[in-house]
């Protein structure tokens, strides 16, 4: 159980960091990156299943989480109206 939680946190961290670099040009901090990655993993998994795309292994999970995290960060960025990181 704890091992699975640690793996999900690691996937969330990696995916969230990569997504924040792509969307914002830099990492947003470990906590924000993990949250974006975990929410992105849920969103990405849902979207990939709707499209009938299957992935396997940890790399596949990171890709799914990354795609979802990019979408999450773009939505947050649109809702925030381009506010700077310090305003968050």
N, C-alpha and C. Protein backbone atom coordinates (compact mmCIF):
# COMPACT_ATOMS: atom_id res chain seq x y z
N UNK A 1 0.83 -1.20 0.00
CA UNK A 1 0.00 0.00 0.00
C UNK A 1 0.87 1.25 0.00
N UNK A 2 1.80 1.34 0.93
CA UNK A 2 2.67 2.50 1.01
C UNK A 2 3.55 2.61 -0.24
N UNK A 3 3.96 1.46 -0.76
CA UNK A 3 4.78 1.45 -1.97
C UNK A 3 4.02 2.05 -3.15
N UNK A 4 2.75 1.72 -3.29
CA UNK A 4 1.93 2.25 -4.38
C UNK A 4 1.73 3.76 -4.24
N UNK A 5 1.54 4.21 -3.01
CA UNK A 5 1.39 5.63 -2.76
C UNK A 5 2.66 6.38 -3.14
N UNK A 6 3.79 5.84 -2.79
CA UNK A 6 5.07 6.46 -3.13
C UNK A 6 5.28 6.51 -4.64
N UNK A 7 4.90 5.46 -5.33
CA UNK A 7 5.03 5.43 -6.79
C UNK A 7 4.14 6.50 -7.40
N UNK A 8 2.88 6.62 -6.93
CA UNK A 8 1.97 7.65 -7.46
C UNK A 8 2.49 9.05 -7.18
N UNK A 9 3.06 9.27 -5.99
CA UNK A 9 3.64 10.58 -5.68
C UNK A 9 4.82 10.89 -6.59
N UNK A 10 5.65 9.88 -6.86
CA UNK A 10 6.78 10.07 -7.76
C UNK A 10 6.31 10.38 -9.18
N UNK A 11 5.32 9.65 -9.65
CA UNK A 11 4.76 9.92 -10.98
C UNK A 11 4.16 11.31 -11.03
N UNK A 12 3.43 11.68 -9.98
CA UNK A 12 2.86 13.02 -9.91
C UNK A 12 3.91 14.10 -9.92
N UNK A 13 4.99 13.88 -9.19
CA UNK A 13 6.08 14.86 -9.14
C UNK A 13 6.73 15.03 -10.51
N UNK A 14 7.06 13.93 -11.14
CA UNK A 14 7.72 13.99 -12.45
C UNK A 14 6.80 14.62 -13.49
N UNK A 15 5.57 14.13 -13.57
CA UNK A 15 4.62 14.65 -14.56
C UNK A 15 4.29 16.11 -14.30
N UNK A 16 4.07 16.46 -13.04
CA UNK A 16 3.75 17.84 -12.70
C UNK A 16 4.89 18.79 -12.98
N UNK A 17 6.12 18.36 -12.67
CA UNK A 17 7.27 19.20 -12.95
C UNK A 17 7.44 19.41 -14.45
N UNK A 18 7.38 18.34 -15.22
CA UNK A 18 7.52 18.45 -16.67
C UNK A 18 6.44 19.35 -17.26
N UNK A 19 5.21 19.18 -16.79
CA UNK A 19 4.10 19.99 -17.29
C UNK A 19 4.28 21.46 -16.92
N UNK A 20 4.75 21.74 -15.70
CA UNK A 20 4.93 23.13 -15.30
C UNK A 20 6.06 23.79 -16.07
N UNK A 21 7.06 23.01 -16.45
CA UNK A 21 8.14 23.56 -17.28
C UNK A 21 7.61 23.91 -18.66
N UNK A 22 6.78 23.04 -19.22
CA UNK A 22 6.21 23.28 -20.55
C UNK A 22 5.23 24.46 -20.53
N UNK A 23 4.38 24.50 -19.53
CA UNK A 23 3.32 25.51 -19.49
C UNK A 23 3.83 26.86 -19.01
N UNK A 24 4.63 26.88 -17.97
CA UNK A 24 5.04 28.14 -17.36
C UNK A 24 6.50 28.50 -17.62
N UNK A 25 7.27 27.58 -18.11
CA UNK A 25 8.68 27.87 -18.33
C UNK A 25 9.54 27.60 -17.12
N UNK A 26 8.99 27.02 -16.07
CA UNK A 26 9.76 26.70 -14.87
C UNK A 26 8.91 25.94 -13.89
N UNK A 27 9.54 25.22 -12.97
CA UNK A 27 8.81 24.46 -11.97
C UNK A 27 8.04 25.38 -11.03
N UNK A 28 6.97 24.88 -10.47
CA UNK A 28 6.11 25.68 -9.59
C UNK A 28 6.30 25.32 -8.13
N UNK A 29 7.23 24.48 -7.82
CA UNK A 29 7.41 24.00 -6.46
C UNK A 29 6.93 22.56 -6.36
N UNK A 30 7.51 21.83 -5.44
CA UNK A 30 7.26 20.40 -5.34
C UNK A 30 5.79 20.11 -5.06
N UNK A 31 5.18 20.82 -4.13
CA UNK A 31 3.79 20.53 -3.77
C UNK A 31 2.85 20.80 -4.94
N UNK A 32 3.00 21.95 -5.59
CA UNK A 32 2.14 22.29 -6.73
C UNK A 32 2.37 21.30 -7.86
N UNK A 33 3.63 20.93 -8.10
CA UNK A 33 3.93 19.96 -9.15
C UNK A 33 3.28 18.61 -8.88
N UNK A 34 3.34 18.15 -7.64
CA UNK A 34 2.73 16.86 -7.30
C UNK A 34 1.22 16.92 -7.46
N UNK A 35 0.61 18.00 -6.98
CA UNK A 35 -0.84 18.14 -7.10
C UNK A 35 -1.25 18.17 -8.57
N UNK A 36 -0.56 18.98 -9.36
CA UNK A 36 -0.88 19.06 -10.79
C UNK A 36 -0.68 17.69 -11.46
N UNK A 37 0.37 16.99 -11.09
CA UNK A 37 0.64 15.67 -11.66
C UNK A 37 -0.41 14.64 -11.27
N UNK A 38 -0.83 14.65 -10.00
CA UNK A 38 -1.84 13.68 -9.55
C UNK A 38 -3.20 13.98 -10.16
N UNK A 39 -3.60 15.24 -10.16
CA UNK A 39 -4.88 15.60 -10.80
C UNK A 39 -4.78 15.33 -12.30
N UNK A 40 -3.62 15.65 -12.87
CA UNK A 40 -3.40 15.38 -14.29
C UNK A 40 -3.46 13.90 -14.62
N UNK A 41 -2.96 13.07 -13.71
CA UNK A 41 -3.02 11.62 -13.93
C UNK A 41 -4.47 11.14 -13.99
N UNK A 42 -5.30 11.68 -13.11
CA UNK A 42 -6.72 11.31 -13.14
C UNK A 42 -7.38 11.79 -14.43
N UNK A 43 -7.14 13.05 -14.77
CA UNK A 43 -7.72 13.61 -15.99
C UNK A 43 -7.18 12.90 -17.23
N UNK A 44 -5.87 12.72 -17.29
CA UNK A 44 -5.25 12.04 -18.43
C UNK A 44 -5.73 10.61 -18.58
N UNK A 45 -5.84 9.88 -17.46
CA UNK A 45 -6.34 8.51 -17.51
C UNK A 45 -7.76 8.45 -18.03
N UNK A 46 -8.59 9.40 -17.59
CA UNK A 46 -9.97 9.45 -18.05
C UNK A 46 -10.03 9.77 -19.55
N UNK A 47 -9.25 10.77 -19.98
CA UNK A 47 -9.25 11.14 -21.40
C UNK A 47 -8.71 10.01 -22.28
N UNK A 48 -7.61 9.40 -21.85
CA UNK A 48 -7.02 8.32 -22.64
C UNK A 48 -7.99 7.15 -22.76
N UNK A 49 -8.73 6.84 -21.67
CA UNK A 49 -9.69 5.74 -21.74
C UNK A 49 -10.85 6.09 -22.67
N UNK A 50 -11.28 7.36 -22.67
CA UNK A 50 -12.33 7.78 -23.60
C UNK A 50 -11.91 7.62 -25.05
N UNK A 51 -10.63 7.89 -25.30
CA UNK A 51 -10.09 7.79 -26.66
C UNK A 51 -9.67 6.37 -27.02
N UNK A 52 -9.73 5.46 -26.06
CA UNK A 52 -9.37 4.07 -26.32
C UNK A 52 -7.87 3.85 -26.41
N UNK A 53 -7.09 4.73 -25.79
CA UNK A 53 -5.63 4.62 -25.81
C UNK A 53 -5.17 3.92 -24.54
N UNK A 54 -4.44 2.83 -24.70
CA UNK A 54 -3.93 2.08 -23.56
C UNK A 54 -2.43 2.33 -23.43
N UNK A 55 -1.97 2.42 -22.20
CA UNK A 55 -0.53 2.58 -21.95
C UNK A 55 -0.10 1.50 -20.97
N UNK A 56 1.19 1.25 -20.95
CA UNK A 56 1.72 0.24 -20.04
C UNK A 56 3.01 0.74 -19.42
N UNK A 57 3.26 0.33 -18.21
CA UNK A 57 4.50 0.65 -17.54
C UNK A 57 4.53 2.06 -16.97
N UNK A 58 5.58 2.32 -16.24
CA UNK A 58 5.70 3.60 -15.55
C UNK A 58 5.88 4.76 -16.53
N UNK A 59 6.55 4.53 -17.65
CA UNK A 59 6.72 5.59 -18.65
C UNK A 59 5.36 5.97 -19.24
N UNK A 60 4.54 4.99 -19.52
CA UNK A 60 3.19 5.25 -20.02
C UNK A 60 2.36 6.02 -19.02
N UNK A 61 2.48 5.67 -17.73
CA UNK A 61 1.76 6.37 -16.69
C UNK A 61 2.22 7.83 -16.57
N UNK A 62 3.52 8.05 -16.70
CA UNK A 62 4.06 9.41 -16.65
C UNK A 62 3.56 10.22 -17.84
N UNK A 63 3.51 9.61 -19.02
CA UNK A 63 3.01 10.32 -20.21
C UNK A 63 1.55 10.71 -20.03
N UNK A 64 0.74 9.79 -19.55
CA UNK A 64 -0.67 10.08 -19.31
C UNK A 64 -0.82 11.20 -18.28
N UNK A 65 -0.08 11.09 -17.19
CA UNK A 65 -0.13 12.12 -16.14
C UNK A 65 0.38 13.46 -16.66
N UNK A 66 1.41 13.44 -17.48
CA UNK A 66 1.96 14.66 -18.06
C UNK A 66 0.94 15.37 -18.94
N UNK A 67 0.29 14.62 -19.81
CA UNK A 67 -0.73 15.20 -20.70
C UNK A 67 -1.85 15.81 -19.86
N UNK A 68 -2.31 15.07 -18.88
CA UNK A 68 -3.36 15.59 -18.01
C UNK A 68 -2.91 16.80 -17.21
N UNK A 69 -1.67 16.79 -16.72
CA UNK A 69 -1.15 17.91 -15.93
C UNK A 69 -1.01 19.17 -16.79
N UNK A 70 -0.60 19.01 -18.04
CA UNK A 70 -0.53 20.17 -18.94
C UNK A 70 -1.91 20.77 -19.10
N UNK A 71 -2.91 19.93 -19.29
CA UNK A 71 -4.29 20.42 -19.44
C UNK A 71 -4.73 21.14 -18.16
N UNK A 72 -4.45 20.54 -17.01
CA UNK A 72 -4.82 21.15 -15.72
C UNK A 72 -4.14 22.51 -15.57
N UNK A 73 -2.85 22.58 -15.85
CA UNK A 73 -2.12 23.84 -15.70
C UNK A 73 -2.60 24.90 -16.69
N UNK A 74 -2.95 24.50 -17.90
CA UNK A 74 -3.49 25.45 -18.87
C UNK A 74 -4.84 26.00 -18.40
N UNK A 75 -5.66 25.14 -17.83
CA UNK A 75 -6.96 25.59 -17.30
C UNK A 75 -6.74 26.55 -16.14
N UNK A 76 -5.84 26.19 -15.22
CA UNK A 76 -5.56 27.07 -14.08
C UNK A 76 -5.01 28.40 -14.56
N UNK A 77 -4.11 28.34 -15.51
CA UNK A 77 -3.52 29.57 -16.06
C UNK A 77 -4.60 30.45 -16.71
N UNK A 78 -5.53 29.85 -17.44
CA UNK A 78 -6.61 30.61 -18.07
C UNK A 78 -7.52 31.22 -17.02
N UNK A 79 -7.82 30.47 -15.97
CA UNK A 79 -8.69 30.98 -14.92
C UNK A 79 -8.03 32.08 -14.09
N UNK A 80 -6.72 31.99 -13.93
CA UNK A 80 -5.99 32.99 -13.15
C UNK A 80 -5.77 34.27 -13.93
N UNK A 81 -6.03 34.26 -15.22
CA UNK A 81 -5.90 35.45 -16.03
C UNK A 81 -4.49 35.95 -16.20
N UNK A 82 -3.52 35.05 -16.20
CA UNK A 82 -2.14 35.44 -16.45
C UNK A 82 -1.45 36.07 -15.25
N UNK A 83 -1.97 35.87 -14.04
CA UNK A 83 -1.31 36.41 -12.85
C UNK A 83 0.06 35.77 -12.70
N UNK A 84 0.95 36.48 -12.07
CA UNK A 84 2.30 35.98 -11.88
C UNK A 84 2.30 34.88 -10.82
N UNK A 85 3.39 34.12 -10.76
CA UNK A 85 3.54 33.05 -9.78
C UNK A 85 3.47 33.58 -8.36
N UNK A 86 3.99 34.76 -8.13
CA UNK A 86 3.99 35.31 -6.79
C UNK A 86 2.59 35.61 -6.28
N UNK A 87 1.68 35.90 -7.19
CA UNK A 87 0.30 36.18 -6.80
C UNK A 87 -0.39 34.91 -6.33
N UNK A 88 0.11 33.75 -6.72
CA UNK A 88 -0.48 32.49 -6.30
C UNK A 88 -0.07 32.22 -4.90
